[in-house]
Each structure stands twice: as C-alpha cells, then as structure tokens.
Amino acid sequence: MDEIKKMFAERMGRESVDEGASLKDLGLDSLDVVEMCLELEEKYGIQFETEELATFKTVGDLFASIEKKLASK
C-alpha cells in the first residue's frame, strides 16, 4: 500500500495525500479516478467495477478498496 500511496501523491504533485481529503477537493474528476484505477488494475492485477468507481468520495475510500482487493488476491 505504501507504494500505491506514494504513486498517488506523485501523480497529484504532492508530498503526501491526506486520506480524509475528498477527491473533488484535490481536483480529481471521475476521469482522473478511472485512469488511476486502470493503471492499478494493470499493475497489480486487480479489478474495479464501474459502479464501484462512482462510490469513491475520499482518498481513503479508494485506498480501502485497493487494500481489500489486494488482500483477497
């Protein structure tokens, strides 16, 4: 997860990202979230459902989903 968090922060051009921060407040729109998730799917062999992507409101929501997917892999 540390690698994913670092990648996320770098993509945002930040040193770190607060998991409580809303994706919208960070300037991410739905396309940005989809692009990042596609990159994660390819790199880690996980899968996101289209409906699931719409439920991510905060960075923590996204990280929790990724963590759950990696644990069940």
PDB file of N, CA and C in Angstrom:
ATOM      1  N   MET A   1       0.824  -1.203   0.000  1.00  0.00           N
ATOM      2  CA  MET A   1       0.000   0.000   0.000  1.00  0.00           C
ATOM      3  C   MET A   1       0.862   1.257   0.000  1.00  0.00           C
ATOM      4  N   ASP A   2       2.017   1.196   0.649  1.00  0.00           N
ATOM      5  CA  ASP A   2       2.881   2.387   0.681  1.00  0.00           C
ATOM      6  C   ASP A   2       3.272   2.821  -0.726  1.00  0.00           C
ATOM      7  N   GLU A   3       3.551   1.843  -1.573  1.00  0.00           N
ATOM      8  CA  GLU A   3       3.917   2.147  -2.953  1.00  0.00           C
ATOM      9  C   GLU A   3       2.759   2.819  -3.685  1.00  0.00           C
ATOM     10  N   ILE A   4       1.545   2.333  -3.443  1.00  0.00           N
ATOM     11  CA  ILE A   4       0.359   2.906  -4.089  1.00  0.00           C
ATOM     12  C   ILE A   4       0.113   4.325  -3.590  1.00  0.00           C
ATOM     13  N   LYS A   5       0.262   4.528  -2.289  1.00  0.00           N
ATOM     14  CA  LYS A   5       0.068   5.866  -1.717  1.00  0.00           C
ATOM     15  C   LYS A   5       1.101   6.848  -2.282  1.00  0.00           C
ATOM     16  N   LYS A   6       2.327   6.379  -2.424  1.00  0.00           N
ATOM     17  CA  LYS A   6       3.387   7.232  -2.974  1.00  0.00           C
ATOM     18  C   LYS A   6       3.081   7.575  -4.431  1.00  0.00           C
ATOM     19  N   MET A   7       2.650   6.586  -5.204  1.00  0.00           N
ATOM     20  CA  MET A   7       2.304   6.805  -6.603  1.00  0.00           C
ATOM     21  C   MET A   7       1.161   7.817  -6.722  1.00  0.00           C
ATOM     22  N   PHE A   8       0.177   7.668  -5.853  1.00  0.00           N
ATOM     23  CA  PHE A   8      -0.977   8.566  -5.859  1.00  0.00           C
ATOM     24  C   PHE A   8      -0.524  10.002  -5.568  1.00  0.00           C
ATOM     25  N   ALA A   9       0.303  10.170  -4.543  1.00  0.00           N
ATOM     26  CA  ALA A   9       0.793  11.508  -4.174  1.00  0.00           C
ATOM     27  C   ALA A   9       1.612  12.120  -5.304  1.00  0.00           C
ATOM     28  N   GLU A  10       2.473  11.313  -5.921  1.00  0.00           N
ATOM     29  CA  GLU A  10       3.290  11.814  -7.027  1.00  0.00           C
ATOM     30  C   GLU A  10       2.420  12.257  -8.193  1.00  0.00           C
ATOM     31  N   ARG A  11       1.409  11.469  -8.466  1.00  0.00           N
ATOM     32  CA  ARG A  11       0.503  11.817  -9.571  1.00  0.00           C
ATOM     33  C   ARG A  11      -0.218  13.138  -9.292  1.00  0.00           C
ATOM     34  N   MET A  12      -0.480  13.394  -8.011  1.00  0.00           N
ATOM     35  CA  MET A  12      -1.148  14.629  -7.609  1.00  0.00           C
ATOM     36  C   MET A  12      -0.160  15.789  -7.481  1.00  0.00           C
ATOM     37  N   GLY A  13       1.148  15.489  -7.582  1.00  0.00           N
ATOM     38  CA  GLY A  13       2.162  16.527  -7.446  1.00  0.00           C
ATOM     39  C   GLY A  13       2.308  17.003  -6.010  1.00  0.00           C
ATOM     40  N   ARG A  14       2.119  16.069  -5.074  1.00  0.00           N
ATOM     41  CA  ARG A  14       2.183  16.400  -3.653  1.00  0.00           C
ATOM     42  C   ARG A  14       3.168  15.490  -2.943  1.00  0.00           C
ATOM     43  N   GLU A  15       3.606  15.947  -1.779  1.00  0.00           N
ATOM     44  CA  GLU A  15       4.496  15.145  -0.937  1.00  0.00           C
ATOM     45  C   GLU A  15       3.740  13.951  -0.351  1.00  0.00           C
ATOM     46  N   SER A  16       2.527  14.212   0.100  1.00  0.00           N
ATOM     47  CA  SER A  16       1.659  13.169   0.647  1.00  0.00           C
ATOM     48  C   SER A  16       0.212  13.616   0.458  1.00  0.00           C
ATOM     49  N   VAL A  17      -0.694  12.685   0.663  1.00  0.00           N
ATOM     50  CA  VAL A  17      -2.118  12.989   0.488  1.00  0.00           C
ATOM     51  C   VAL A  17      -2.862  12.513   1.719  1.00  0.00           C
ATOM     52  N   ASP A  18      -3.665  13.394   2.283  1.00  0.00           N
ATOM     53  CA  ASP A  18      -4.494  13.064   3.444  1.00  0.00           C
ATOM     54  C   ASP A  18      -5.619  12.136   3.005  1.00  0.00           C
ATOM     55  N   GLU A  19      -5.738  10.985   3.653  1.00  0.00           N
ATOM     56  CA  GLU A  19      -6.758  10.011   3.271  1.00  0.00           C
ATOM     57  C   GLU A  19      -8.175  10.526   3.496  1.00  0.00           C
ATOM     58  N   GLY A  20      -8.338  11.537   4.319  1.00  0.00           N
ATOM     59  CA  GLY A  20      -9.652  12.113   4.557  1.00  0.00           C
ATOM     60  C   GLY A  20     -10.038  13.156   3.523  1.00  0.00           C
ATOM     61  N   ALA A  21      -9.088  13.512   2.671  1.00  0.00           N
ATOM     62  CA  ALA A  21      -9.351  14.538   1.655  1.00  0.00           C
ATOM     63  C   ALA A  21     -10.296  14.003   0.590  1.00  0.00           C
ATOM     64  N   SER A  22     -11.215  14.850   0.184  1.00  0.00           N
ATOM     65  CA  SER A  22     -12.141  14.429  -0.869  1.00  0.00           C
ATOM     66  C   SER A  22     -11.414  14.489  -2.212  1.00  0.00           C
ATOM     67  N   LEU A  23     -11.756  13.556  -3.081  1.00  0.00           N
ATOM     68  CA  LEU A  23     -11.139  13.520  -4.404  1.00  0.00           C
ATOM     69  C   LEU A  23     -11.430  14.804  -5.164  1.00  0.00           C
ATOM     70  N   LYS A  24     -12.623  15.312  -4.995  1.00  0.00           N
ATOM     71  CA  LYS A  24     -13.028  16.543  -5.670  1.00  0.00           C
ATOM     72  C   LYS A  24     -12.189  17.733  -5.188  1.00  0.00           C
ATOM     73  N   ASP A  25     -11.944  17.804  -3.862  1.00  0.00           N
ATOM     74  CA  ASP A  25     -11.138  18.893  -3.304  1.00  0.00           C
ATOM     75  C   ASP A  25      -9.700  18.849  -3.808  1.00  0.00           C
ATOM     76  N   LEU A  26      -9.238  17.655  -4.166  1.00  0.00           N
ATOM     77  CA  LEU A  26      -7.883  17.506  -4.698  1.00  0.00           C
ATOM     78  C   LEU A  26      -7.826  17.819  -6.190  1.00  0.00           C
ATOM     79  N   GLY A  27      -8.986  18.125  -6.762  1.00  0.00           N
ATOM     80  CA  GLY A  27      -9.039  18.477  -8.174  1.00  0.00           C
ATOM     81  C   GLY A  27      -9.177  17.285  -9.103  1.00  0.00           C
ATOM     82  N   LEU A  28      -9.559  16.142  -8.544  1.00  0.00           N
ATOM     83  CA  LEU A  28      -9.731  14.943  -9.367  1.00  0.00           C
ATOM     84  C   LEU A  28     -11.179  14.815  -9.808  1.00  0.00           C
ATOM     85  N   ASP A  29     -11.368  14.619 -11.094  1.00  0.00           N
ATOM     86  CA  ASP A  29     -12.720  14.342 -11.565  1.00  0.00           C
ATOM     87  C   ASP A  29     -12.847  12.840 -11.811  1.00  0.00           C
ATOM     88  N   SER A  30     -13.997  12.402 -12.256  1.00  0.00           N
ATOM     89  CA  SER A  30     -14.234  10.964 -12.417  1.00  0.00           C
ATOM     90  C   SER A  30     -13.276  10.341 -13.431  1.00  0.00           C
ATOM     91  N   LEU A  31     -12.908  11.072 -14.461  1.00  0.00           N
ATOM     92  CA  LEU A  31     -11.973  10.549 -15.454  1.00  0.00           C
ATOM     93  C   LEU A  31     -10.595  10.299 -14.835  1.00  0.00           C
ATOM     94  N   ASP A  32     -10.146  11.216 -13.979  1.00  0.00           N
ATOM     95  CA  ASP A  32      -8.861  11.036 -13.290  1.00  0.00           C
ATOM     96  C   ASP A  32      -8.877   9.771 -12.443  1.00  0.00           C
ATOM     97  N   VAL A  33      -9.970   9.550 -11.731  1.00  0.00           N
ATOM     98  CA  VAL A  33     -10.102   8.368 -10.869  1.00  0.00           C
ATOM     99  C   VAL A  33     -10.087   7.101 -11.723  1.00  0.00           C
ATOM    100  N   VAL A  34     -10.814   7.101 -12.828  1.00  0.00           N
ATOM    101  CA  VAL A  34     -10.850   5.938 -13.724  1.00  0.00           C
ATOM    102  C   VAL A  34      -9.450   5.651 -14.259  1.00  0.00           C
ATOM    103  N   GLU A  35      -8.736   6.688 -14.691  1.00  0.00           N
ATOM    104  CA  GLU A  35      -7.385   6.492 -15.225  1.00  0.00           C
ATOM    105  C   GLU A  35      -6.459   5.885 -14.182  1.00  0.00           C
ATOM    106  N   MET A  36      -6.523   6.377 -12.948  1.00  0.00           N
ATOM    107  CA  MET A  36      -5.667   5.831 -11.894  1.00  0.00           C
ATOM    108  C   MET A  36      -6.040   4.386 -11.596  1.00  0.00           C
ATOM    109  N   CYS A  37      -7.328   4.100 -11.568  1.00  0.00           N
ATOM    110  CA  CYS A  37      -7.767   2.734 -11.282  1.00  0.00           C
ATOM    111  C   CYS A  37      -7.350   1.777 -12.393  1.00  0.00           C
ATOM    112  N   LEU A  38      -7.417   2.221 -13.641  1.00  0.00           N
ATOM    113  CA  LEU A  38      -6.973   1.381 -14.752  1.00  0.00           C
ATOM    114  C   LEU A  38      -5.487   1.062 -14.629  1.00  0.00           C
ATOM    115  N   GLU A  39      -4.724   2.053 -14.233  1.00  0.00           N
ATOM    116  CA  GLU A  39      -3.291   1.853 -14.026  1.00  0.00           C
ATOM    117  C   GLU A  39      -3.038   0.834 -12.905  1.00  0.00           C
ATOM    118  N   LEU A  40      -3.799   0.943 -11.834  1.00  0.00           N
ATOM    119  CA  LEU A  40      -3.669  -0.002 -10.714  1.00  0.00           C
ATOM    120  C   LEU A  40      -4.107  -1.409 -11.118  1.00  0.00           C
ATOM    121  N   GLU A  41      -5.162  -1.490 -11.914  1.00  0.00           N
ATOM    122  CA  GLU A  41      -5.626  -2.801 -12.375  1.00  0.00           C
ATOM    123  C   GLU A  41      -4.532  -3.513 -13.162  1.00  0.00           C
ATOM    124  N   GLU A  42      -3.908  -2.762 -14.051  1.00  0.00           N
ATOM    125  CA  GLU A  42      -2.862  -3.331 -14.886  1.00  0.00           C
ATOM    126  C   GLU A  42      -1.628  -3.721 -14.070  1.00  0.00           C
ATOM    127  N   LYS A  43      -1.229  -2.858 -13.167  1.00  0.00           N
ATOM    128  CA  LYS A  43      -0.002  -3.083 -12.398  1.00  0.00           C
ATOM    129  C   LYS A  43      -0.155  -4.183 -11.342  1.00  0.00           C
ATOM    130  N   TYR A  44      -1.321  -4.252 -10.687  1.00  0.00           N
ATOM    131  CA  TYR A  44      -1.500  -5.167  -9.560  1.00  0.00           C
ATOM    132  C   TYR A  44      -2.463  -6.321  -9.830  1.00  0.00           C
ATOM    133  N   GLY A  45      -3.039  -6.367 -11.031  1.00  0.00           N
ATOM    134  CA  GLY A  45      -3.935  -7.466 -11.373  1.00  0.00           C
ATOM    135  C   GLY A  45      -5.228  -7.482 -10.572  1.00  0.00           C
ATOM    136  N   ILE A  46      -5.716  -6.304 -10.219  1.00  0.00           N
ATOM    137  CA  ILE A  46      -6.989  -6.198  -9.502  1.00  0.00           C
ATOM    138  C   ILE A  46      -8.036  -5.644 -10.460  1.00  0.00           C
ATOM    139  N   GLN A  47      -9.295  -5.716 -10.070  1.00  0.00           N
ATOM    140  CA  GLN A  47     -10.379  -5.278 -10.944  1.00  0.00           C
ATOM    141  C   GLN A  47     -11.350  -4.369 -10.185  1.00  0.00           C
ATOM    142  N   PHE A  48     -11.719  -3.266 -10.793  1.00  0.00           N
ATOM    143  CA  PHE A  48     -12.726  -2.362 -10.234  1.00  0.00           C
ATOM    144  C   PHE A  48     -13.976  -2.433 -11.102  1.00  0.00           C
ATOM    145  N   GLU A  49     -15.128  -2.490 -10.462  1.00  0.00           N
ATOM    146  CA  GLU A  49     -16.393  -2.439 -11.187  1.00  0.00           C
ATOM    147  C   GLU A  49     -16.709  -0.973 -11.477  1.00  0.00           C
ATOM    148  N   THR A  50     -17.352  -0.721 -12.601  1.00  0.00           N
ATOM    149  CA  THR A  50     -17.694   0.649 -12.990  1.00  0.00           C
ATOM    150  C   THR A  50     -18.512   1.348 -11.909  1.00  0.00           C
ATOM    151  N   GLU A  51     -19.495   0.632 -11.348  1.00  0.00           N
ATOM    152  CA  GLU A  51     -20.349   1.215 -10.318  1.00  0.00           C
ATOM    153  C   GLU A  51     -19.543   1.571  -9.067  1.00  0.00           C
ATOM    154  N   GLU A  52     -18.540   0.772  -8.791  1.00  0.00           N
ATOM    155  CA  GLU A  52     -17.703   0.989  -7.607  1.00  0.00           C
ATOM    156  C   GLU A  52     -16.937   2.304  -7.705  1.00  0.00           C
ATOM    157  N   LEU A  53     -16.472   2.626  -8.894  1.00  0.00           N
ATOM    158  CA  LEU A  53     -15.686   3.851  -9.078  1.00  0.00           C
ATOM    159  C   LEU A  53     -16.470   5.094  -8.682  1.00  0.00           C
ATOM    160  N   ALA A  54     -17.769   5.062  -8.896  1.00  0.00           N
ATOM    161  CA  ALA A  54     -18.618   6.213  -8.577  1.00  0.00           C
ATOM    162  C   ALA A  54     -18.804   6.392  -7.075  1.00  0.00           C
ATOM    163  N   THR A  55     -18.492   5.359  -6.285  1.00  0.00           N
ATOM    164  CA  THR A  55     -18.695   5.447  -4.833  1.00  0.00           C
ATOM    165  C   THR A  55     -17.518   6.082  -4.102  1.00  0.00           C
ATOM    166  N   PHE A  56     -16.381   6.223  -4.781  1.00  0.00           N
ATOM    167  CA  PHE A  56     -15.204   6.794  -4.127  1.00  0.00           C
ATOM    168  C   PHE A  56     -15.375   8.298  -3.956  1.00  0.00           C
ATOM    169  N   LYS A  57     -15.432   8.730  -2.693  1.00  0.00           N
ATOM    170  CA  LYS A  57     -15.569  10.156  -2.404  1.00  0.00           C
ATOM    171  C   LYS A  57     -14.277  10.745  -1.832  1.00  0.00           C
ATOM    172  N   THR A  58     -13.541   9.914  -1.079  1.00  0.00           N
ATOM    173  CA  THR A  58     -12.294  10.389  -0.471  1.00  0.00           C
ATOM    174  C   THR A  58     -11.130   9.496  -0.900  1.00  0.00           C
ATOM    175  N   VAL A  59      -9.940   9.973  -0.664  1.00  0.00           N
ATOM    176  CA  VAL A  59      -8.742   9.193  -0.925  1.00  0.00           C
ATOM    177  C   VAL A  59      -8.795   7.896  -0.112  1.00  0.00           C
ATOM    178  N   GLY A  60      -9.270   7.989   1.116  1.00  0.00           N
ATOM    179  CA  GLY A  60      -9.376   6.821   1.979  1.00  0.00           C
ATOM    180  C   GLY A  60     -10.321   5.765   1.415  1.00  0.00           C
ATOM    181  N   ASP A  61     -11.420   6.182   0.785  1.00  0.00           N
ATOM    182  CA  ASP A  61     -12.345   5.240   0.151  1.00  0.00           C
ATOM    183  C   ASP A  61     -11.613   4.426  -0.922  1.00  0.00           C
ATOM    184  N   LEU A  62     -10.854   5.122  -1.721  1.00  0.00           N
ATOM    185  CA  LEU A  62     -10.106   4.473  -2.793  1.00  0.00           C
ATOM    186  C   LEU A  62      -9.060   3.519  -2.223  1.00  0.00           C
ATOM    187  N   PHE A  63      -8.294   3.986  -1.244  1.00  0.00           N
ATOM    188  CA  PHE A  63      -7.255   3.151  -0.637  1.00  0.00           C
ATOM    189  C   PHE A  63      -7.848   1.918   0.042  1.00  0.00           C
ATOM    190  N   ALA A  64      -8.987   2.077   0.720  1.00  0.00           N
ATOM    191  CA  ALA A  64      -9.626   0.942   1.401  1.00  0.00           C
ATOM    192  C   ALA A  64     -10.044  -0.123   0.388  1.00  0.00           C
ATOM    193  N   SER A  65     -10.565   0.304  -0.732  1.00  0.00           N
ATOM    194  CA  SER A  65     -10.977  -0.636  -1.774  1.00  0.00           C
ATOM    195  C   SER A  65      -9.770  -1.365  -2.349  1.00  0.00           C
ATOM    196  N   ILE A  66      -8.703  -0.631  -2.607  1.00  0.00           N
ATOM    197  CA  ILE A  66      -7.481  -1.234  -3.151  1.00  0.00           C
ATOM    198  C   ILE A  66      -6.921  -2.252  -2.165  1.00  0.00           C
ATOM    199  N   GLU A  67      -6.870  -1.869  -0.899  1.00  0.00           N
ATOM    200  CA  GLU A  67      -6.342  -2.753   0.128  1.00  0.00           C
ATOM    201  C   GLU A  67      -7.150  -4.053   0.221  1.00  0.00           C
ATOM    202  N   LYS A  68      -8.465  -3.929   0.153  1.00  0.00           N
ATOM    203  CA  LYS A  68      -9.348  -5.091   0.217  1.00  0.00           C
ATOM    204  C   LYS A  68      -9.105  -6.006  -0.985  1.00  0.00           C
ATOM    205  N   LYS A  69      -8.963  -5.413  -2.151  1.00  0.00           N
ATOM    206  CA  LYS A  69      -8.741  -6.200  -3.365  1.00  0.00           C
ATOM    207  C   LYS A  69      -7.390  -6.915  -3.327  1.00  0.00           C
ATOM    208  N   LEU A  70      -6.370  -6.236  -2.851  1.00  0.00           N
ATOM    209  CA  LEU A  70      -5.042  -6.843  -2.769  1.00  0.00           C
ATOM    210  C   LEU A  70      -5.017  -7.981  -1.737  1.00  0.00           C
ATOM    211  N   ALA A  71      -5.750  -7.812  -0.655  1.00  0.00           N
ATOM    212  CA  ALA A  71      -5.785  -8.836   0.405  1.00  0.00           C
ATOM    213  C   ALA A  71      -6.499 -10.107  -0.066  1.00  0.00           C
ATOM    214  N   SER A  72      -7.500  -9.948  -0.926  1.00  0.00           N
ATOM    215  CA  SER A  72      -8.259 -11.105  -1.381  1.00  0.00           C
ATOM    216  C   SER A  72      -7.657 -11.752  -2.635  1.00  0.00           C
ATOM    217  N   LYS A  73      -6.582 -11.204  -3.090  1.00  0.00           N
ATOM    218  CA  LYS A  73      -5.943 -11.702  -4.311  1.00  0.00           C
ATOM    219  C   LYS A  73      -5.104 -12.913  -4.036  1.00  0.00           C
TER     220      LYS A  73
END
